[in-house]
PDB file of N, CA and C in Angstrom:
ATOM      1  N   MET A   1      -9.422   8.650 -17.211  1.00  0.00           N
ATOM      2  CA  MET A   1      -9.597   7.793 -16.142  1.00  0.00           C
ATOM      3  C   MET A   1     -11.163   7.781 -15.935  1.00  0.00           C
ATOM      4  N   THR A   2     -11.590   6.379 -15.673  1.00  0.00           N
ATOM      5  CA  THR A   2     -13.046   6.223 -15.484  1.00  0.00           C
ATOM      6  C   THR A   2     -13.246   6.110 -13.888  1.00  0.00           C
ATOM      7  N   VAL A   3     -14.237   7.057 -13.417  1.00  0.00           N
ATOM      8  CA  VAL A   3     -14.648   6.991 -12.000  1.00  0.00           C
ATOM      9  C   VAL A   3     -15.531   6.023 -12.087  1.00  0.00           C
ATOM     10  N   ALA A   4     -15.286   4.927 -10.900  1.00  0.00           N
ATOM     11  CA  ALA A   4     -16.464   3.912 -10.525  1.00  0.00           C
ATOM     12  C   ALA A   4     -17.092   4.334  -9.261  1.00  0.00           C
ATOM     13  N   HIS A   5     -18.139   3.624  -9.000  1.00  0.00           N
ATOM     14  CA  HIS A   5     -18.929   4.040  -7.841  1.00  0.00           C
ATOM     15  C   HIS A   5     -19.239   5.185  -7.264  1.00  0.00           C
ATOM     16  N   VAL A   6     -19.530   5.860  -8.313  1.00  0.00           N
ATOM     17  CA  VAL A   6     -19.858   7.429  -8.137  1.00  0.00           C
ATOM     18  C   VAL A   6     -21.284   7.513  -7.335  1.00  0.00           C
ATOM     19  N   THR A   7     -22.085   6.614  -7.787  1.00  0.00           N
ATOM     20  CA  THR A   7     -23.494   6.665  -7.076  1.00  0.00           C
ATOM     21  C   THR A   7     -23.229   6.193  -5.463  1.00  0.00           C
ATOM     22  N   SER A   8     -22.455   5.623  -5.110  1.00  0.00           N
ATOM     23  CA  SER A   8     -22.070   5.141  -3.574  1.00  0.00           C
ATOM     24  C   SER A   8     -21.196   6.147  -2.996  1.00  0.00           C
ATOM     25  N   GLY A   9     -20.798   7.348  -3.714  1.00  0.00           N
ATOM     26  CA  GLY A   9     -19.943   8.266  -2.827  1.00  0.00           C
ATOM     27  C   GLY A   9     -18.603   7.854  -2.893  1.00  0.00           C
ATOM     28  N   GLU A  10     -18.107   6.940  -3.789  1.00  0.00           N
ATOM     29  CA  GLU A  10     -16.633   6.609  -4.004  1.00  0.00           C
ATOM     30  C   GLU A  10     -16.332   7.259  -5.318  1.00  0.00           C
ATOM     31  N   ARG A  11     -15.117   7.459  -5.438  1.00  0.00           N
ATOM     32  CA  ARG A  11     -14.450   8.172  -6.528  1.00  0.00           C
ATOM     33  C   ARG A  11     -13.191   7.472  -6.928  1.00  0.00           C
ATOM     34  N   ARG A  12     -13.376   5.972  -6.779  1.00  0.00           N
ATOM     35  CA  ARG A  12     -12.190   5.221  -7.295  1.00  0.00           C
ATOM     36  C   ARG A  12     -12.499   4.975  -8.729  1.00  0.00           C
ATOM     37  N   ALA A  13     -11.107   4.695  -9.151  1.00  0.00           N
ATOM     38  CA  ALA A  13     -11.044   4.371 -10.568  1.00  0.00           C
ATOM     39  C   ALA A  13     -11.227   2.780 -10.838  1.00  0.00           C
ATOM     40  N   HIS A  14     -10.804   2.000  -9.641  1.00  0.00           N
ATOM     41  CA  HIS A  14     -10.829   0.560  -9.821  1.00  0.00           C
ATOM     42  C   HIS A  14     -11.780  -0.107  -8.696  1.00  0.00           C
ATOM     43  N   GLN A  15     -12.088  -0.989  -8.719  1.00  0.00           N
ATOM     44  CA  GLN A  15     -13.263  -1.626  -7.849  1.00  0.00           C
ATOM     45  C   GLN A  15     -12.001  -2.229  -6.735  1.00  0.00           C
ATOM     46  N   ARG A  16     -12.442  -2.091  -5.554  1.00  0.00           N
ATOM     47  CA  ARG A  16     -11.487  -2.719  -4.412  1.00  0.00           C
ATOM     48  C   ARG A  16     -11.920  -4.179  -3.790  1.00  0.00           C
ATOM     49  N   HIS A  17     -10.773  -4.749  -3.178  1.00  0.00           N
ATOM     50  CA  HIS A  17     -11.269  -6.028  -2.999  1.00  0.00           C
ATOM     51  C   HIS A  17     -10.681  -6.090  -1.507  1.00  0.00           C
ATOM     52  N   ARG A  18     -11.581  -6.468  -0.524  1.00  0.00           N
ATOM     53  CA  ARG A  18     -11.005  -6.849   0.824  1.00  0.00           C
ATOM     54  C   ARG A  18     -10.063  -7.979   1.260  1.00  0.00           C
ATOM     55  N   VAL A  19      -9.128  -7.820   1.781  1.00  0.00           N
ATOM     56  CA  VAL A  19      -8.026  -8.620   2.006  1.00  0.00           C
ATOM     57  C   VAL A  19      -7.506  -8.466   3.493  1.00  0.00           C
ATOM     58  N   LEU A  20      -6.813  -9.288   4.141  1.00  0.00           N
ATOM     59  CA  LEU A  20      -6.163  -9.102   5.217  1.00  0.00           C
ATOM     60  C   LEU A  20      -4.801  -9.824   5.026  1.00  0.00           C
ATOM     61  N   LYS A  21      -3.691  -8.885   4.610  1.00  0.00           N
ATOM     62  CA  LYS A  21      -2.205  -9.051   4.248  1.00  0.00           C
ATOM     63  C   LYS A  21      -1.511  -8.634   4.971  1.00  0.00           C
ATOM     64  N   PRO A  22      -0.538  -9.272   5.575  1.00  0.00           N
ATOM     65  CA  PRO A  22       0.737  -8.771   6.331  1.00  0.00           C
ATOM     66  C   PRO A  22       1.707  -8.053   5.230  1.00  0.00           C
ATOM     67  N   VAL A  23       1.855  -6.749   5.348  1.00  0.00           N
ATOM     68  CA  VAL A  23       2.914  -6.255   4.365  1.00  0.00           C
ATOM     69  C   VAL A  23       3.931  -5.350   5.251  1.00  0.00           C
ATOM     70  N   LYS A  24       5.012  -4.943   4.433  1.00  0.00           N
ATOM     71  CA  LYS A  24       5.803  -4.223   5.235  1.00  0.00           C
ATOM     72  C   LYS A  24       6.339  -2.799   4.424  1.00  0.00           C
ATOM     73  N   ALA A  25       6.030  -1.687   5.050  1.00  0.00           N
ATOM     74  CA  ALA A  25       6.934  -0.251   4.171  1.00  0.00           C
ATOM     75  C   ALA A  25       8.343  -0.231   4.476  1.00  0.00           C
ATOM     76  N   VAL A  26       8.864  -0.363   3.611  1.00  0.00           N
ATOM     77  CA  VAL A  26      10.463  -0.153   3.612  1.00  0.00           C
ATOM     78  C   VAL A  26      10.936   1.239   3.200  1.00  0.00           C
ATOM     79  N   PHE A  27      11.603   1.882   3.787  1.00  0.00           N
ATOM     80  CA  PHE A  27      11.994   3.245   3.613  1.00  0.00           C
ATOM     81  C   PHE A  27      13.360   3.659   3.905  1.00  0.00           C
ATOM     82  N   ASN A  28      13.735   4.726   3.829  1.00  0.00           N
ATOM     83  CA  ASN A  28      15.147   5.648   4.529  1.00  0.00           C
ATOM     84  C   ASN A  28      16.167   4.559   3.941  1.00  0.00           C
ATOM     85  N   ALA A  29      16.422   4.217   2.409  1.00  0.00           N
ATOM     86  CA  ALA A  29      17.342   3.673   1.877  1.00  0.00           C
ATOM     87  C   ALA A  29      17.532   2.089   2.348  1.00  0.00           C
ATOM     88  N   ASN A  30      16.383   1.524   2.647  1.00  0.00           N
ATOM     89  CA  ASN A  30      16.051   0.335   3.168  1.00  0.00           C
ATOM     90  C   ASN A  30      16.556   0.014   4.714  1.00  0.00           C
ATOM     91  N   GLN A  31      16.883   0.973   5.218  1.00  0.00           N
ATOM     92  CA  GLN A  31      17.178   0.947   6.517  1.00  0.00           C
ATOM     93  C   GLN A  31      16.088   1.006   7.702  1.00  0.00           C
ATOM     94  N   SER A  32      15.017   1.361   7.176  1.00  0.00           N
ATOM     95  CA  SER A  32      13.594   1.572   8.124  1.00  0.00           C
ATOM     96  C   SER A  32      12.456   0.665   7.706  1.00  0.00           C
ATOM     97  N   VAL A  33      11.871  -0.145   8.521  1.00  0.00           N
ATOM     98  CA  VAL A  33      10.678  -1.009   8.111  1.00  0.00           C
ATOM     99  C   VAL A  33       9.568  -0.669   9.225  1.00  0.00           C
ATOM    100  N   SER A  34       8.391  -0.741   8.768  1.00  0.00           N
ATOM    101  CA  SER A  34       7.372  -0.539   9.479  1.00  0.00           C
ATOM    102  C   SER A  34       6.289  -1.750   9.268  1.00  0.00           C
ATOM    103  N   ASP A  35       5.999  -2.568  10.032  1.00  0.00           N
ATOM    104  CA  ASP A  35       4.608  -3.635   9.738  1.00  0.00           C
ATOM    105  C   ASP A  35       3.273  -2.925   9.420  1.00  0.00           C
ATOM    106  N   CYS A  36       2.743  -3.497   8.581  1.00  0.00           N
ATOM    107  CA  CYS A  36       1.368  -3.061   8.073  1.00  0.00           C
ATOM    108  C   CYS A  36       0.557  -4.100   7.811  1.00  0.00           C
ATOM    109  N   VAL A  37      -0.815  -3.979   7.926  1.00  0.00           N
ATOM    110  CA  VAL A  37      -1.744  -4.846   7.576  1.00  0.00           C
ATOM    111  C   VAL A  37      -2.459  -4.295   6.171  1.00  0.00           C
ATOM    112  N   MET A  38      -2.559  -4.944   5.111  1.00  0.00           N
ATOM    113  CA  MET A  38      -3.321  -4.320   3.862  1.00  0.00           C
ATOM    114  C   MET A  38      -4.839  -4.612   4.131  1.00  0.00           C
ATOM    115  N   ARG A  39      -5.588  -3.858   3.942  1.00  0.00           N
ATOM    116  CA  ARG A  39      -7.249  -3.971   4.290  1.00  0.00           C
ATOM    117  C   ARG A  39      -7.964  -4.136   3.152  1.00  0.00           C
ATOM    118  N   ASP A  40      -7.574  -3.463   2.258  1.00  0.00           N
ATOM    119  CA  ASP A  40      -8.288  -3.721   0.611  1.00  0.00           C
ATOM    120  C   ASP A  40      -7.179  -3.423  -0.588  1.00  0.00           C
ATOM    121  N   ILE A  41      -7.672  -3.867  -1.759  1.00  0.00           N
ATOM    122  CA  ILE A  41      -6.534  -3.606  -2.755  1.00  0.00           C
ATOM    123  C   ILE A  41      -7.407  -3.718  -3.976  1.00  0.00           C
ATOM    124  N   SER A  42      -6.719  -2.716  -5.012  1.00  0.00           N
ATOM    125  CA  SER A  42      -7.405  -2.558  -6.475  1.00  0.00           C
ATOM    126  C   SER A  42      -6.400  -2.715  -7.311  1.00  0.00           C
ATOM    127  N   LEU A  43      -6.764  -2.475  -8.389  1.00  0.00           N
ATOM    128  CA  LEU A  43      -5.656  -2.672  -9.391  1.00  0.00           C
ATOM    129  C   LEU A  43      -4.720  -1.141  -9.294  1.00  0.00           C
ATOM    130  N   GLY A  44      -5.145   0.206  -8.862  1.00  0.00           N
ATOM    131  CA  GLY A  44      -4.347   1.041  -8.589  1.00  0.00           C
ATOM    132  C   GLY A  44      -3.749   1.346  -7.316  1.00  0.00           C
ATOM    133  N   GLY A  45      -4.455   0.792  -6.197  1.00  0.00           N
ATOM    134  CA  GLY A  45      -3.723   1.112  -4.916  1.00  0.00           C
ATOM    135  C   GLY A  45      -4.078   0.164  -3.951  1.00  0.00           C
ATOM    136  N   ALA A  46      -4.093   0.541  -2.564  1.00  0.00           N
ATOM    137  CA  ALA A  46      -4.547  -0.383  -1.477  1.00  0.00           C
ATOM    138  C   ALA A  46      -4.761   0.670  -0.265  1.00  0.00           C
ATOM    139  N   ARG A  47      -5.337   0.094   0.846  1.00  0.00           N
ATOM    140  CA  ARG A  47      -5.488   0.890   1.867  1.00  0.00           C
ATOM    141  C   ARG A  47      -4.887   0.023   3.177  1.00  0.00           C
ATOM    142  N   LEU A  48      -4.026   0.600   3.896  1.00  0.00           N
ATOM    143  CA  LEU A  48      -3.257   0.007   4.801  1.00  0.00           C
ATOM    144  C   LEU A  48      -3.599   0.291   6.002  1.00  0.00           C
ATOM    145  N   THR A  49      -3.312  -0.472   7.215  1.00  0.00           N
ATOM    146  CA  THR A  49      -3.361   0.213   8.542  1.00  0.00           C
ATOM    147  C   THR A  49      -2.030   0.135   8.954  1.00  0.00           C
ATOM    148  N   CYS A  50      -1.395   1.005   9.587  1.00  0.00           N
ATOM    149  CA  CYS A  50      -0.007   0.879  10.302  1.00  0.00           C
ATOM    150  C   CYS A  50       0.032   1.842  11.418  1.00  0.00           C
ATOM    151  N   GLY A  51       0.664   1.243  12.393  1.00  0.00           N
ATOM    152  CA  GLY A  51       1.050   2.091  13.776  1.00  0.00           C
ATOM    153  C   GLY A  51       1.600   3.200  13.492  1.00  0.00           C
ATOM    154  N   GLN A  52       2.619   3.341  12.669  1.00  0.00           N
ATOM    155  CA  GLN A  52       3.110   4.522  12.169  1.00  0.00           C
ATOM    156  C   GLN A  52       2.689   5.179  10.883  1.00  0.00           C
ATOM    157  N   ALA A  53       1.587   5.083  10.623  1.00  0.00           N
ATOM    158  CA  ALA A  53       0.971   5.782   9.232  1.00  0.00           C
ATOM    159  C   ALA A  53       1.123   7.408   9.102  1.00  0.00           C
ATOM    160  N   MET A  54       1.172   7.822  10.034  1.00  0.00           N
ATOM    161  CA  MET A  54       1.554   9.327   9.825  1.00  0.00           C
ATOM    162  C   MET A  54       2.971   9.710   9.628  1.00  0.00           C
ATOM    163  N   GLN A  55       4.005   8.981  10.129  1.00  0.00           N
ATOM    164  CA  GLN A  55       5.204   8.932  10.032  1.00  0.00           C
ATOM    165  C   GLN A  55       6.049   8.314   8.713  1.00  0.00           C
ATOM    166  N   LEU A  56       5.221   7.589   7.883  1.00  0.00           N
ATOM    167  CA  LEU A  56       5.843   7.174   6.652  1.00  0.00           C
ATOM    168  C   LEU A  56       6.072   8.203   5.880  1.00  0.00           C
ATOM    169  N   PRO A  57       7.142   8.256   4.832  1.00  0.00           N
ATOM    170  CA  PRO A  57       7.396   9.097   3.880  1.00  0.00           C
ATOM    171  C   PRO A  57       6.126   9.098   2.910  1.00  0.00           C
ATOM    172  N   GLU A  58       6.196   9.848   2.048  1.00  0.00           N
ATOM    173  CA  GLU A  58       5.278  10.122   0.847  1.00  0.00           C
ATOM    174  C   GLU A  58       5.485   8.984  -0.093  1.00  0.00           C
ATOM    175  N   HIS A  59       6.769   8.347  -0.309  1.00  0.00           N
ATOM    176  CA  HIS A  59       7.085   7.283  -1.492  1.00  0.00           C
ATOM    177  C   HIS A  59       7.841   6.273  -0.403  1.00  0.00           C
ATOM    178  N   PHE A  60       7.385   4.982  -0.508  1.00  0.00           N
ATOM    179  CA  PHE A  60       8.336   3.905   0.011  1.00  0.00           C
ATOM    180  C   PHE A  60       8.092   2.700  -1.021  1.00  0.00           C
ATOM    181  N   LEU A  61       8.703   1.561  -0.319  1.00  0.00           N
ATOM    182  CA  LEU A  61       8.472   0.253  -0.903  1.00  0.00           C
ATOM    183  C   LEU A  61       7.717  -0.405  -0.194  1.00  0.00           C
ATOM    184  N   LEU A  62       6.633  -1.147  -0.491  1.00  0.00           N
ATOM    185  CA  LEU A  62       5.554  -1.618   0.070  1.00  0.00           C
ATOM    186  C   LEU A  62       6.086  -3.422  -0.637  1.00  0.00           C
ATOM    187  N   VAL A  63       6.220  -4.054   0.650  1.00  0.00           N
ATOM    188  CA  VAL A  63       6.660  -5.400   0.431  1.00  0.00           C
ATOM    189  C   VAL A  63       5.521  -6.619   0.795  1.00  0.00           C
ATOM    190  N   PHE A  64       5.030  -7.174  -0.021  1.00  0.00           N
ATOM    191  CA  PHE A  64       4.115  -8.251   0.197  1.00  0.00           C
ATOM    192  C   PHE A  64       4.773  -9.695   0.493  1.00  0.00           C
ATOM    193  N   MET A  65       4.652  -9.864   2.033  1.00  0.00           N
ATOM    194  CA  MET A  65       5.667 -10.613   2.715  1.00  0.00           C
ATOM    195  C   MET A  65       4.891 -12.179   2.141  1.00  0.00           C
ATOM    196  N   ALA A  66       3.770 -12.326   1.863  1.00  0.00           N
ATOM    197  CA  ALA A  66       3.578 -13.967   1.708  1.00  0.00           C
ATOM    198  C   ALA A  66       3.764 -14.237   0.043  1.00  0.00           C
ATOM    199  N   ASP A  67       3.615 -13.409  -0.789  1.00  0.00           N
ATOM    200  CA  ASP A  67       3.889 -13.292  -2.157  1.00  0.00           C
ATOM    201  C   ASP A  67       5.319 -13.194  -2.618  1.00  0.00           C
ATOM    202  N   ARG A  68       5.912 -12.531  -1.513  1.00  0.00           N
ATOM    203  CA  ARG A  68       7.211 -12.407  -1.888  1.00  0.00           C
ATOM    204  C   ARG A  68       7.383 -11.460  -3.115  1.00  0.00           C
ATOM    205  N   GLU A  69       6.960 -10.276  -2.922  1.00  0.00           N
ATOM    206  CA  GLU A  69       6.730  -9.270  -3.906  1.00  0.00           C
ATOM    207  C   GLU A  69       6.797  -8.094  -3.288  1.00  0.00           C
ATOM    208  N   MET A  70       7.160  -7.167  -4.172  1.00  0.00           N
ATOM    209  CA  MET A  70       7.199  -5.557  -3.819  1.00  0.00           C
ATOM    210  C   MET A  70       6.949  -4.830  -4.779  1.00  0.00           C
ATOM    211  N   ARG A  71       6.501  -3.271  -4.604  1.00  0.00           N
ATOM    212  CA  ARG A  71       5.919  -2.551  -5.509  1.00  0.00           C
ATOM    213  C   ARG A  71       6.292  -0.965  -4.754  1.00  0.00           C
ATOM    214  N   ASP A  72       6.800  -0.120  -5.713  1.00  0.00           N
ATOM    215  CA  ASP A  72       7.054   1.070  -5.349  1.00  0.00           C
ATOM    216  C   ASP A  72       5.693   1.990  -4.958  1.00  0.00           C
ATOM    217  N   VAL A  73       5.318   2.638  -4.217  1.00  0.00           N
ATOM    218  CA  VAL A  73       4.121   3.117  -3.948  1.00  0.00           C
ATOM    219  C   VAL A  73       4.299   4.618  -3.488  1.00  0.00           C
ATOM    220  N   ARG A  74       2.977   5.528  -3.480  1.00  0.00           N
ATOM    221  CA  ARG A  74       3.218   6.697  -2.937  1.00  0.00           C
ATOM    222  C   ARG A  74       1.845   6.773  -2.131  1.00  0.00           C
ATOM    223  N   VAL A  75       1.846   7.629  -1.196  1.00  0.00           N
ATOM    224  CA  VAL A  75       0.831   7.981  -0.165  1.00  0.00           C
ATOM    225  C   VAL A  75      -0.186   8.823  -0.944  1.00  0.00           C
ATOM    226  N   ALA A  76      -1.497   8.398  -0.952  1.00  0.00           N
ATOM    227  CA  ALA A  76      -2.530   9.225  -1.327  1.00  0.00           C
ATOM    228  C   ALA A  76      -3.232   9.992  -0.465  1.00  0.00           C
ATOM    229  N   TRP A  77      -3.381   9.352   0.605  1.00  0.00           N
ATOM    230  CA  TRP A  77      -4.392  10.180   2.025  1.00  0.00           C
ATOM    231  C   TRP A  77      -3.899   9.308   3.183  1.00  0.00           C
ATOM    232  N   ARG A  78      -4.034   9.926   4.336  1.00  0.00           N
ATOM    233  CA  ARG A  78      -3.644   9.615   5.728  1.00  0.00           C
ATOM    234  C   ARG A  78      -4.581   9.641   6.472  1.00  0.00           C
ATOM    235  N   LYS A  79      -5.189   9.028   7.502  1.00  0.00           N
ATOM    236  CA  LYS A  79      -6.183   9.232   8.564  1.00  0.00           C
ATOM    237  C   LYS A  79      -5.901   8.250   9.739  1.00  0.00           C
ATOM    238  N   HIS A  80      -5.425   8.790  10.962  1.00  0.00           N
ATOM    239  CA  HIS A  80      -5.087   8.275  12.083  1.00  0.00           C
ATOM    240  C   HIS A  80      -4.026   7.235  11.787  1.00  0.00           C
ATOM    241  N   ASP A  81      -4.550   5.715  11.729  1.00  0.00           N
ATOM    242  CA  ASP A  81      -3.647   4.899  11.617  1.00  0.00           C
ATOM    243  C   ASP A  81      -3.626   4.047  10.365  1.00  0.00           C
ATOM    244  N   GLN A  82      -4.484   4.906   9.476  1.00  0.00           N
ATOM    245  CA  GLN A  82      -4.526   3.973   8.009  1.00  0.00           C
ATOM    246  C   GLN A  82      -4.015   5.124   6.887  1.00  0.00           C
ATOM    247  N   LEU A  83      -3.606   4.691   5.951  1.00  0.00           N
ATOM    248  CA  LEU A  83      -3.281   5.564   4.718  1.00  0.00           C
ATOM    249  C   LEU A  83      -3.737   4.804   3.430  1.00  0.00           C
ATOM    250  N   GLY A  84      -4.207   5.611   2.380  1.00  0.00           N
ATOM    251  CA  GLY A  84      -4.307   4.954   0.906  1.00  0.00           C
ATOM    252  C   GLY A  84      -2.875   5.287   0.227  1.00  0.00           C
ATOM    253  N   ILE A  85      -2.893   4.059  -0.368  1.00  0.00           N
ATOM    254  CA  ILE A  85      -1.483   4.175  -1.188  1.00  0.00           C
ATOM    255  C   ILE A  85      -1.736   3.976  -2.836  1.00  0.00           C
ATOM    256  N   ALA A  86      -0.923   4.631  -3.562  1.00  0.00           N
ATOM    257  CA  ALA A  86      -1.308   4.389  -5.053  1.00  0.00           C
ATOM    258  C   ALA A  86      -0.071   3.438  -5.529  1.00  0.00           C
ATOM    259  N   PHE A  87      -0.255   2.614  -6.492  1.00  0.00           N
ATOM    260  CA  PHE A  87       0.977   1.842  -6.788  1.00  0.00           C
ATOM    261  C   PHE A  87       1.685   2.597  -8.144  1.00  0.00           C
ATOM    262  N   VAL A  88       3.011   2.487  -7.836  1.00  0.00           N
ATOM    263  CA  VAL A  88       3.720   3.555  -9.121  1.00  0.00           C
ATOM    264  C   VAL A  88       4.747   2.511  -9.897  1.00  0.00           C
ATOM    265  N   SER A  89       4.665   1.556  -9.511  1.00  0.00           N
ATOM    266  CA  SER A  89       5.403   0.514 -10.310  1.00  0.00           C
ATOM    267  C   SER A  89       4.686  -0.947 -10.383  1.00  0.00           C
ATOM    268  N   PRO A  90       5.007  -1.728 -11.100  1.00  0.00           N
ATOM    269  CA  PRO A  90       4.587  -3.219 -11.527  1.00  0.00           C
ATOM    270  C   PRO A  90       4.970  -4.250 -10.278  1.00  0.00           C
ATOM    271  N   PRO A  91       4.464  -5.002  -9.782  1.00  0.00           N
ATOM    272  CA  PRO A  91       5.039  -5.800  -9.040  1.00  0.00           C
ATOM    273  C   PRO A  91       6.147  -6.606  -9.467  1.00  0.00           C
ATOM    274  N   ARG A  92       7.364  -6.751  -8.512  1.00  0.00           N
ATOM    275  CA  ARG A  92       8.337  -7.418  -8.896  1.00  0.00           C
ATOM    276  C   ARG A  92       8.746  -8.563  -7.644  1.00  0.00           C
ATOM    277  N   LYS A  93       9.545  -9.638  -8.230  1.00  0.00           N
ATOM    278  CA  LYS A  93      10.073 -10.482  -6.926  1.00  0.00           C
ATOM    279  C   LYS A  93      10.871  -9.834  -5.969  1.00  0.00           C
ATOM    280  N   ALA A  94      10.386 -10.067  -4.727  1.00  0.00           N
ATOM    281  CA  ALA A  94      11.605  -9.836  -3.520  1.00  0.00           C
ATOM    282  C   ALA A  94      12.208 -10.969  -3.408  1.00  0.00           C
ATOM    283  N   LEU A  95      13.592 -10.872  -3.759  1.00  0.00           N
ATOM    284  CA  LEU A  95      14.569 -12.083  -3.888  1.00  0.00           C
ATOM    285  C   LEU A  95      15.040 -12.255  -2.436  1.00  0.00           C
ATOM    286  N   HIS A  96      15.545 -11.193  -1.811  1.00  0.00           N
ATOM    287  CA  HIS A  96      16.196 -11.115  -0.632  1.00  0.00           C
ATOM    288  C   HIS A  96      15.404 -10.564   0.464  1.00  0.00           C
ATOM    289  N   LEU A  97      14.739 -11.165   1.285  1.00  0.00           N
ATOM    290  CA  LEU A  97      14.011 -10.448   2.140  1.00  0.00           C
ATOM    291  C   LEU A  97      14.788 -10.482   3.613  1.00  0.00           C
ATOM    292  N   LEU A  98      15.108  -9.511   3.801  1.00  0.00           N
ATOM    293  CA  LEU A  98      15.972  -9.520   5.190  1.00  0.00           C
ATOM    294  C   LEU A  98      14.977  -8.957   6.552  1.00  0.00           C
ATOM    295  N   PHE A  99      14.018  -8.704   6.239  1.00  0.00           N
ATOM    296  CA  PHE A  99      13.210  -7.884   7.359  1.00  0.00           C
ATOM    297  C   PHE A  99      12.592  -8.978   8.362  1.00  0.00           C
TER     298      PHE A  99
END
């Protein structure tokens, strides 16, 4: 893995891009949903702001509402109402959004 932006103090493998996208964290066998906002995204993951960031499980399903897509993710870090997530699956279509 190549580390980018080392001179700026960042240790990310991929360049991130600022976004403001509504997303949903789905967990507990699809029984629980938490509304979040995606603040930036890269090929390997994203940074989210969630009111319940500290209560989200280590692995959950992230649903991109506008794109009608979803990905499996794992939590890389947490701080207050923000968390960094790593993508652990490629995007796939979210055919039946009931949230």
